[in-house]
């Protein structure tokens, strides 16, 4: 599914969380698709299952996956309730990025054009 970077200073659970989010956002993992079980992923990555469990718990709190007892974890469809706190966090990150880009004199038109392009790609993946 993916590989971890042991030279990266970020915790393994964080790397796992970010890689699974990237697979969901890019459309590789589809809504309601089952994600590998904690045990399966721990075996394939040869790491402690508790590390996977922590990543899955955070993904669930952020609204990217949901769990069904005795069935596993699945990708949350976009039409389900999204964590408003996560949305606020992401908008704050965007605000910081835009402020830094403005400081670096990136033209507003270029920034808006790029945001529209990224947004369209994301919307297309949600409708595929």
N, C-alpha and C. Protein backbone atom coordinates (compact mmCIF):
# COMPACT_ATOMS: atom_id res chain seq x y z
N UNK A 1 0.84 -1.19 0.00
CA UNK A 1 0.00 0.00 0.00
C UNK A 1 0.88 1.26 0.00
N UNK A 2 1.83 1.35 0.92
CA UNK A 2 2.78 2.45 0.98
C UNK A 2 3.94 2.05 1.88
N UNK A 3 4.96 2.88 1.88
CA UNK A 3 6.13 2.62 2.72
C UNK A 3 6.34 3.78 3.67
N UNK A 4 6.95 3.48 4.80
CA UNK A 4 7.27 4.50 5.79
C UNK A 4 8.70 4.97 5.58
N UNK A 5 8.94 6.21 5.95
CA UNK A 5 10.28 6.78 5.85
C UNK A 5 10.89 6.83 7.25
N UNK A 6 11.78 5.90 7.52
CA UNK A 6 12.38 5.82 8.85
C UNK A 6 13.40 6.93 9.10
N UNK A 7 13.77 7.67 8.06
CA UNK A 7 14.67 8.82 8.21
C UNK A 7 13.88 10.08 8.57
N UNK A 8 12.58 10.05 8.34
CA UNK A 8 11.69 11.16 8.67
C UNK A 8 11.59 11.27 10.19
N UNK A 9 11.59 12.48 10.70
CA UNK A 9 11.54 12.67 12.15
C UNK A 9 10.11 12.64 12.70
N UNK A 10 9.12 12.63 11.82
CA UNK A 10 7.74 12.58 12.32
C UNK A 10 7.41 11.16 12.79
N UNK A 11 6.55 11.05 13.80
CA UNK A 11 6.19 9.72 14.32
C UNK A 11 5.58 8.83 13.25
N UNK A 12 5.76 7.52 13.40
CA UNK A 12 5.25 6.57 12.41
C UNK A 12 3.73 6.67 12.27
N UNK A 13 3.02 6.81 13.40
CA UNK A 13 1.56 6.88 13.30
C UNK A 13 1.14 8.09 12.47
N UNK A 14 1.89 9.19 12.59
CA UNK A 14 1.58 10.41 11.83
C UNK A 14 1.82 10.18 10.34
N UNK A 15 2.90 9.49 10.01
CA UNK A 15 3.18 9.17 8.61
C UNK A 15 2.07 8.29 8.03
N UNK A 16 1.65 7.30 8.79
CA UNK A 16 0.59 6.39 8.34
C UNK A 16 -0.69 7.18 8.11
N UNK A 17 -1.04 8.03 9.07
CA UNK A 17 -2.25 8.85 8.96
C UNK A 17 -2.20 9.72 7.71
N UNK A 18 -1.09 10.39 7.49
CA UNK A 18 -0.97 11.29 6.34
C UNK A 18 -1.00 10.52 5.02
N UNK A 19 -0.40 9.34 4.98
CA UNK A 19 -0.38 8.56 3.73
C UNK A 19 -1.78 8.03 3.41
N UNK A 20 -2.51 7.60 4.42
CA UNK A 20 -3.88 7.12 4.18
C UNK A 20 -4.78 8.29 3.76
N UNK A 21 -4.61 9.44 4.41
CA UNK A 21 -5.38 10.63 4.00
C UNK A 21 -5.09 10.97 2.54
N UNK A 22 -3.83 10.90 2.15
CA UNK A 22 -3.47 11.20 0.76
C UNK A 22 -4.13 10.22 -0.20
N UNK A 23 -4.21 8.95 0.19
CA UNK A 23 -4.86 7.95 -0.67
C UNK A 23 -6.36 8.22 -0.78
N UNK A 24 -6.96 8.69 0.30
CA UNK A 24 -8.39 9.02 0.29
C UNK A 24 -8.63 10.26 -0.56
N UNK A 25 -7.85 11.31 -0.31
CA UNK A 25 -8.03 12.58 -1.02
C UNK A 25 -7.78 12.41 -2.52
N UNK A 26 -6.79 11.59 -2.88
CA UNK A 26 -6.47 11.40 -4.30
C UNK A 26 -7.47 10.47 -5.00
N UNK A 27 -8.34 9.81 -4.23
CA UNK A 27 -9.34 8.94 -4.83
C UNK A 27 -8.90 7.51 -5.00
N UNK A 28 -7.69 7.18 -4.55
CA UNK A 28 -7.23 5.79 -4.62
C UNK A 28 -8.10 4.92 -3.73
N UNK A 29 -8.40 5.42 -2.53
CA UNK A 29 -9.35 4.74 -1.64
C UNK A 29 -10.69 5.43 -1.80
N UNK A 30 -11.69 4.68 -2.17
CA UNK A 30 -13.02 5.22 -2.48
C UNK A 30 -13.94 5.22 -1.25
N UNK A 31 -14.98 6.06 -1.27
CA UNK A 31 -15.95 6.07 -0.17
C UNK A 31 -16.51 4.68 0.10
N UNK A 32 -16.61 4.35 1.37
CA UNK A 32 -17.11 3.06 1.88
C UNK A 32 -16.20 1.87 1.56
N UNK A 33 -15.04 2.14 0.98
CA UNK A 33 -14.07 1.06 0.73
C UNK A 33 -13.39 0.70 2.05
N UNK A 34 -13.20 -0.58 2.26
CA UNK A 34 -12.54 -1.06 3.48
C UNK A 34 -11.06 -0.75 3.40
N UNK A 35 -10.53 -0.21 4.48
CA UNK A 35 -9.08 0.01 4.57
C UNK A 35 -8.49 -1.23 5.25
N UNK A 36 -7.21 -1.50 5.05
CA UNK A 36 -6.61 -2.68 5.67
C UNK A 36 -6.84 -2.69 7.18
N UNK A 37 -7.02 -3.87 7.73
CA UNK A 37 -7.20 -3.97 9.18
C UNK A 37 -5.91 -3.57 9.87
N UNK A 38 -6.02 -3.27 11.15
CA UNK A 38 -4.83 -2.91 11.94
C UNK A 38 -3.80 -4.02 11.84
N UNK A 39 -4.24 -5.25 11.99
CA UNK A 39 -3.32 -6.39 11.95
C UNK A 39 -2.67 -6.54 10.57
N UNK A 40 -3.48 -6.43 9.50
CA UNK A 40 -2.94 -6.56 8.14
C UNK A 40 -1.88 -5.50 7.86
N UNK A 41 -2.19 -4.26 8.21
CA UNK A 41 -1.25 -3.18 7.92
C UNK A 41 0.00 -3.29 8.79
N UNK A 42 -0.18 -3.68 10.04
CA UNK A 42 0.98 -3.85 10.93
C UNK A 42 1.91 -4.93 10.40
N UNK A 43 1.34 -6.02 9.89
CA UNK A 43 2.16 -7.10 9.33
C UNK A 43 2.86 -6.64 8.06
N UNK A 44 2.17 -5.93 7.18
CA UNK A 44 2.79 -5.52 5.92
C UNK A 44 3.88 -4.47 6.14
N UNK A 45 3.72 -3.63 7.17
CA UNK A 45 4.72 -2.60 7.45
C UNK A 45 5.73 -3.05 8.51
N UNK A 46 5.48 -4.23 9.08
CA UNK A 46 6.29 -4.79 10.17
C UNK A 46 6.51 -3.79 11.31
N UNK A 47 5.39 -3.27 11.81
CA UNK A 47 5.44 -2.38 12.97
C UNK A 47 4.36 -2.80 13.97
N UNK A 48 4.43 -2.22 15.15
CA UNK A 48 3.50 -2.55 16.22
C UNK A 48 2.06 -2.17 15.84
N UNK A 49 1.11 -3.07 16.05
CA UNK A 49 -0.30 -2.77 15.75
C UNK A 49 -0.83 -1.54 16.49
N UNK A 50 -0.29 -1.25 17.67
CA UNK A 50 -0.74 -0.07 18.42
C UNK A 50 -0.46 1.22 17.65
N UNK A 51 0.59 1.22 16.85
CA UNK A 51 0.93 2.38 16.03
C UNK A 51 -0.14 2.60 14.97
N UNK A 52 -0.56 1.52 14.34
CA UNK A 52 -1.63 1.60 13.32
C UNK A 52 -2.93 2.03 13.98
N UNK A 53 -3.21 1.44 15.13
CA UNK A 53 -4.45 1.76 15.85
C UNK A 53 -4.53 3.25 16.16
N UNK A 54 -3.40 3.84 16.59
CA UNK A 54 -3.38 5.27 16.90
C UNK A 54 -3.65 6.10 15.65
N UNK A 55 -3.05 5.72 14.53
CA UNK A 55 -3.29 6.44 13.27
C UNK A 55 -4.77 6.33 12.87
N UNK A 56 -5.34 5.14 12.98
CA UNK A 56 -6.74 4.94 12.61
C UNK A 56 -7.66 5.73 13.52
N UNK A 57 -7.35 5.80 14.82
CA UNK A 57 -8.17 6.57 15.75
C UNK A 57 -8.19 8.05 15.35
N UNK A 58 -7.02 8.57 14.99
CA UNK A 58 -6.97 9.99 14.57
C UNK A 58 -7.71 10.21 13.26
N UNK A 59 -7.57 9.27 12.32
CA UNK A 59 -8.30 9.38 11.05
C UNK A 59 -9.81 9.37 11.30
N UNK A 60 -10.23 8.57 12.26
CA UNK A 60 -11.65 8.51 12.58
C UNK A 60 -12.11 9.82 13.24
N UNK A 61 -11.31 10.35 14.14
CA UNK A 61 -11.65 11.63 14.78
C UNK A 61 -11.72 12.77 13.78
N UNK A 62 -10.87 12.72 12.76
CA UNK A 62 -10.87 13.77 11.73
C UNK A 62 -11.95 13.54 10.68
N UNK A 63 -12.62 12.38 10.71
CA UNK A 63 -13.73 12.13 9.81
C UNK A 63 -13.36 11.47 8.49
N UNK A 64 -12.15 10.95 8.37
CA UNK A 64 -11.73 10.32 7.12
C UNK A 64 -12.14 8.86 7.02
N UNK A 65 -12.23 8.18 8.17
CA UNK A 65 -12.67 6.78 8.16
C UNK A 65 -13.71 6.58 9.26
N UNK A 66 -14.44 5.51 9.16
CA UNK A 66 -15.38 5.11 10.21
C UNK A 66 -15.21 3.62 10.43
N UNK A 67 -15.58 3.16 11.60
CA UNK A 67 -15.41 1.75 11.95
C UNK A 67 -16.75 1.09 12.18
N UNK A 68 -16.83 -0.16 11.79
CA UNK A 68 -17.99 -1.00 12.09
C UNK A 68 -17.47 -2.19 12.87
N UNK A 69 -18.00 -2.37 14.05
CA UNK A 69 -17.55 -3.44 14.93
C UNK A 69 -17.57 -4.79 14.20
N UNK A 70 -16.48 -5.52 14.32
CA UNK A 70 -16.30 -6.86 13.74
C UNK A 70 -16.26 -6.87 12.21
N UNK A 71 -16.29 -5.70 11.57
CA UNK A 71 -16.21 -5.63 10.11
C UNK A 71 -14.97 -4.90 9.64
N UNK A 72 -14.54 -3.87 10.39
CA UNK A 72 -13.34 -3.14 10.01
C UNK A 72 -13.56 -1.65 9.89
N UNK A 73 -12.59 -1.00 9.26
CA UNK A 73 -12.65 0.45 9.05
C UNK A 73 -12.84 0.73 7.56
N UNK A 74 -13.59 1.79 7.29
CA UNK A 74 -13.97 2.13 5.92
C UNK A 74 -13.79 3.62 5.68
N UNK A 75 -13.62 3.99 4.41
CA UNK A 75 -13.48 5.39 4.03
C UNK A 75 -14.85 6.07 4.17
N UNK A 76 -14.85 7.20 4.85
CA UNK A 76 -16.08 7.95 5.07
C UNK A 76 -16.52 8.63 3.77
N UNK A 77 -17.78 8.42 3.35
CA UNK A 77 -18.28 9.15 2.18
C UNK A 77 -18.30 10.64 2.49
N UNK A 78 -18.04 11.45 1.49
CA UNK A 78 -17.93 12.88 1.68
C UNK A 78 -19.26 13.50 2.12
N UNK A 79 -20.38 12.86 1.83
CA UNK A 79 -21.68 13.43 2.19
C UNK A 79 -22.03 13.20 3.66
N UNK A 80 -21.20 12.43 4.38
CA UNK A 80 -21.43 12.24 5.81
C UNK A 80 -20.94 13.48 6.55
N UNK A 81 -21.36 13.60 7.78
CA UNK A 81 -20.98 14.76 8.59
C UNK A 81 -19.46 14.84 8.74
N UNK A 82 -18.90 15.96 8.35
CA UNK A 82 -17.47 16.20 8.44
C UNK A 82 -17.19 16.93 9.75
N UNK A 83 -16.09 16.59 10.37
CA UNK A 83 -15.69 17.19 11.64
C UNK A 83 -15.47 18.70 11.47
N UNK A 84 -16.35 19.54 12.04
CA UNK A 84 -16.21 20.99 11.87
C UNK A 84 -14.90 21.52 12.47
N UNK A 85 -14.42 20.91 13.53
CA UNK A 85 -13.15 21.32 14.12
C UNK A 85 -12.00 21.13 13.15
N UNK A 86 -12.04 20.04 12.40
CA UNK A 86 -10.99 19.78 11.41
C UNK A 86 -11.07 20.82 10.30
N UNK A 87 -12.28 21.17 9.89
CA UNK A 87 -12.44 22.19 8.86
C UNK A 87 -11.84 23.51 9.33
N UNK A 88 -12.08 23.87 10.60
CA UNK A 88 -11.52 25.10 11.15
C UNK A 88 -10.00 25.05 11.16
N UNK A 89 -9.44 23.90 11.55
CA UNK A 89 -7.98 23.74 11.56
C UNK A 89 -7.39 23.93 10.17
N UNK A 90 -8.04 23.33 9.17
CA UNK A 90 -7.53 23.43 7.80
C UNK A 90 -7.63 24.86 7.27
N UNK A 91 -8.72 25.54 7.60
CA UNK A 91 -8.86 26.94 7.17
C UNK A 91 -7.81 27.82 7.83
N UNK A 92 -7.47 27.54 9.06
CA UNK A 92 -6.41 28.28 9.75
C UNK A 92 -5.05 28.02 9.07
N UNK A 93 -4.80 26.76 8.69
CA UNK A 93 -3.57 26.44 7.95
C UNK A 93 -3.52 27.19 6.63
N UNK A 94 -4.67 27.24 5.93
CA UNK A 94 -4.74 27.95 4.66
C UNK A 94 -4.44 29.44 4.87
N UNK A 95 -5.00 30.00 5.93
CA UNK A 95 -4.76 31.41 6.23
C UNK A 95 -3.27 31.68 6.42
N UNK A 96 -2.60 30.80 7.14
CA UNK A 96 -1.15 30.95 7.37
C UNK A 96 -0.38 30.85 6.05
N UNK A 97 -0.76 29.88 5.21
CA UNK A 97 -0.08 29.71 3.92
C UNK A 97 -0.28 30.92 3.01
N UNK A 98 -1.51 31.40 2.94
CA UNK A 98 -1.80 32.56 2.08
C UNK A 98 -1.04 33.79 2.59
N UNK A 99 -0.99 33.95 3.90
CA UNK A 99 -0.24 35.09 4.46
C UNK A 99 1.23 35.01 4.08
N UNK A 100 1.80 33.83 4.18
CA UNK A 100 3.21 33.66 3.82
C UNK A 100 3.43 33.89 2.33
N UNK A 101 2.54 33.37 1.50
CA UNK A 101 2.65 33.58 0.05
C UNK A 101 2.52 35.07 -0.30
N UNK A 102 1.64 35.78 0.38
CA UNK A 102 1.51 37.23 0.15
C UNK A 102 2.80 37.94 0.56
N UNK A 103 3.37 37.53 1.67
CA UNK A 103 4.65 38.11 2.11
C UNK A 103 5.74 37.88 1.07
N UNK A 104 5.70 36.73 0.39
CA UNK A 104 6.69 36.40 -0.64
C UNK A 104 6.35 37.01 -1.99
N UNK A 105 5.35 37.89 -2.00
CA UNK A 105 4.93 38.63 -3.20
C UNK A 105 4.41 37.75 -4.33
N UNK A 106 3.75 36.66 -4.00
CA UNK A 106 3.08 35.86 -5.03
C UNK A 106 1.85 36.66 -5.46
N UNK A 107 1.69 36.91 -6.75
CA UNK A 107 0.52 37.69 -7.20
C UNK A 107 -0.79 37.02 -6.81
N UNK A 108 -1.74 37.82 -6.37
CA UNK A 108 -3.04 37.31 -5.94
C UNK A 108 -3.71 36.49 -7.05
N UNK A 109 -3.61 36.95 -8.29
CA UNK A 109 -4.23 36.24 -9.41
C UNK A 109 -3.63 34.84 -9.56
N UNK A 110 -2.32 34.74 -9.40
CA UNK A 110 -1.65 33.44 -9.51
C UNK A 110 -2.11 32.51 -8.38
N UNK A 111 -2.23 33.03 -7.18
CA UNK A 111 -2.67 32.24 -6.03
C UNK A 111 -4.11 31.77 -6.21
N UNK A 112 -4.99 32.70 -6.62
CA UNK A 112 -6.40 32.33 -6.81
C UNK A 112 -6.56 31.31 -7.93
N UNK A 113 -5.81 31.49 -9.00
CA UNK A 113 -5.85 30.54 -10.11
C UNK A 113 -5.43 29.15 -9.65
N UNK A 114 -4.38 29.10 -8.86
CA UNK A 114 -3.88 27.81 -8.36
C UNK A 114 -4.88 27.15 -7.42
N UNK A 115 -5.51 27.95 -6.55
CA UNK A 115 -6.52 27.41 -5.64
C UNK A 115 -7.70 26.85 -6.43
N UNK A 116 -8.16 27.58 -7.46
CA UNK A 116 -9.27 27.10 -8.28
C UNK A 116 -8.92 25.79 -8.98
N UNK A 117 -7.71 25.70 -9.49
CA UNK A 117 -7.24 24.49 -10.16
C UNK A 117 -7.24 23.30 -9.20
N UNK A 118 -6.70 23.49 -8.01
CA UNK A 118 -6.65 22.43 -7.00
C UNK A 118 -8.05 22.03 -6.58
N UNK A 119 -8.91 23.02 -6.39
CA UNK A 119 -10.28 22.76 -5.96
C UNK A 119 -11.05 21.94 -7.00
N UNK A 120 -10.89 22.30 -8.28
CA UNK A 120 -11.56 21.56 -9.35
C UNK A 120 -11.12 20.11 -9.39
N UNK A 121 -9.82 19.87 -9.24
CA UNK A 121 -9.30 18.50 -9.22
C UNK A 121 -9.92 17.70 -8.08
N UNK A 122 -10.01 18.34 -6.91
CA UNK A 122 -10.60 17.67 -5.75
C UNK A 122 -12.07 17.36 -5.95
N UNK A 123 -12.79 18.30 -6.53
CA UNK A 123 -14.24 18.08 -6.78
C UNK A 123 -14.45 16.97 -7.80
N UNK A 124 -13.59 16.92 -8.83
CA UNK A 124 -13.71 15.86 -9.84
C UNK A 124 -13.52 14.50 -9.21
N UNK A 125 -12.55 14.36 -8.31
CA UNK A 125 -12.31 13.07 -7.65
C UNK A 125 -13.49 12.66 -6.80
N UNK A 126 -14.17 13.64 -6.18
CA UNK A 126 -15.33 13.33 -5.35
C UNK A 126 -16.52 12.84 -6.17
N UNK A 127 -16.55 13.20 -7.45
CA UNK A 127 -17.69 12.83 -8.29
C UNK A 127 -17.38 11.64 -9.20
N UNK A 128 -16.15 11.15 -9.19
CA UNK A 128 -15.78 9.99 -10.02
C UNK A 128 -16.28 8.69 -9.42
